[in-house]
Protein backbone atom coordinates (compact mmCIF):
# COMPACT_ATOMS: atom_id res chain seq x y z
CA MET A 1 29.37 -9.29 -50.52
CA PRO A 2 26.39 -7.35 -49.10
CA ARG A 3 26.66 -3.61 -48.87
CA CYS A 4 27.38 -2.45 -45.34
CA ARG A 5 24.90 0.18 -44.32
CA ARG A 6 24.85 2.47 -41.40
CA SER A 7 21.78 2.49 -39.17
CA THR A 8 19.03 4.53 -40.78
CA THR A 9 18.07 5.93 -37.40
CA GLU A 10 21.35 7.82 -37.16
CA PRO A 11 21.30 11.16 -38.96
CA ASN A 12 23.93 11.69 -41.63
CA PRO A 13 24.41 15.44 -42.19
CA ARG A 14 26.09 14.93 -45.57
CA VAL A 15 23.08 13.30 -47.21
CA GLY A 16 20.02 14.45 -45.27
CA ILE A 17 18.29 12.98 -42.27
CA TYR A 18 18.18 9.35 -43.42
CA PRO A 19 20.99 8.34 -45.78
CA PHE A 20 19.45 5.66 -48.01
CA MET A 21 16.09 7.06 -49.07
CA SER A 22 15.37 8.47 -52.48
CA THR A 23 16.27 12.14 -52.79
CA ARG A 24 12.65 13.10 -53.35
CA GLY A 25 11.51 11.00 -50.37
CA THR A 26 14.27 12.42 -48.18
CA ASN A 27 13.49 16.00 -49.14
CA PHE A 28 9.78 15.49 -48.54
CA LEU A 29 10.32 13.85 -45.12
CA ASP A 30 12.85 16.48 -44.00
CA ARG A 31 10.63 19.36 -45.06
CA TRP A 32 7.44 17.75 -43.73
CA ILE A 33 8.91 17.06 -40.29
CA SER A 34 10.30 20.58 -39.98
CA GLU A 35 6.97 22.13 -41.03
CA LYS A 36 4.39 19.76 -39.58
CA VAL A 37 5.75 18.28 -36.37
CA PRO A 38 4.90 20.87 -33.76
CA GLU A 39 7.27 21.65 -30.93
CA THR A 40 4.49 20.61 -28.60
CA ALA A 41 4.01 17.16 -30.17
CA GLY A 42 4.09 14.42 -27.60
CA ALA A 43 5.97 11.19 -28.08
CA ASP A 44 2.86 9.16 -27.30
CA ILE A 45 1.45 6.42 -29.52
CA ILE A 46 -1.63 8.37 -30.65
CA SER A 47 0.23 11.58 -31.57
CA VAL A 48 2.92 9.78 -33.55
CA ALA A 49 0.37 7.56 -35.31
CA ASP A 50 -1.71 10.62 -36.28
CA LEU A 51 1.37 12.42 -37.61
CA THR A 52 2.38 9.31 -39.58
CA ARG A 53 -1.07 9.11 -41.21
CA GLN A 54 -0.92 12.82 -42.00
CA LEU A 55 2.54 12.46 -43.57
CA PHE A 56 1.37 9.70 -45.91
CA ALA A 57 -1.77 11.64 -46.86
CA ASP A 58 0.30 14.75 -47.62
CA ALA A 59 2.82 12.68 -49.60
CA LYS A 60 0.03 11.11 -51.65
CA ALA A 61 -1.44 14.56 -52.35
CA ALA A 62 2.03 15.67 -53.53
CA GLY A 63 2.32 12.65 -55.83
CA ILE A 64 4.93 10.87 -53.71
CA GLU A 65 4.52 7.13 -53.19
CA SER A 66 4.96 5.80 -49.67
CA VAL A 67 7.71 3.49 -50.96
CA GLU A 68 9.82 6.54 -51.86
CA ILE A 69 9.76 7.57 -48.21
CA GLU A 70 10.04 4.09 -46.72
CA GLU A 71 12.62 2.60 -49.11
CA ASP A 72 15.37 2.04 -46.59
CA ILE A 73 14.18 3.87 -43.52
CA GLY A 74 11.94 1.04 -42.44
CA SER A 75 9.48 2.79 -40.18
CA VAL A 76 8.26 6.32 -40.80
CA TYR A 77 6.56 6.07 -37.41
CA GLU A 78 9.99 5.61 -35.81
CA ALA A 79 11.47 8.49 -37.84
CA ILE A 80 8.75 10.85 -36.57
CA LEU A 81 9.15 9.55 -33.03
CA ASP A 82 12.93 10.09 -33.28
CA ALA A 83 12.37 13.66 -34.49
CA ILE A 84 10.11 14.39 -31.51
CA VAL A 85 12.41 12.74 -28.98
CA HIS A 86 15.57 14.40 -30.35
CA HIS A 87 13.83 17.78 -30.41
CA ASP A 88 12.76 17.33 -26.78
CA ALA A 89 16.27 16.22 -25.77
CA GLY A 90 17.68 19.45 -27.18
CA MET A 91 15.35 21.65 -25.19
CA VAL A 92 16.74 23.51 -22.19
CA ASP A 93 14.49 24.00 -19.18
């Protein structure tokens, strides 16, 4: 019987942002998003694509393979977009 998995786009506070990634990949993505995604980042295609490229370059420089980050998350692009959108949704005017 296949393992039932929760959507990887729903945060799980008990195991980090995305529940099925490697610990090292999860830690890197969590830390990278909190440090590198500016509050002013727009949720447009170019901004998210640039941030995604930067994440993979930084991961490579840190000795982390892209597969460690992408294992079960699917799209890092979508994870960064979600972080921007959820941050904006929490802002009060």
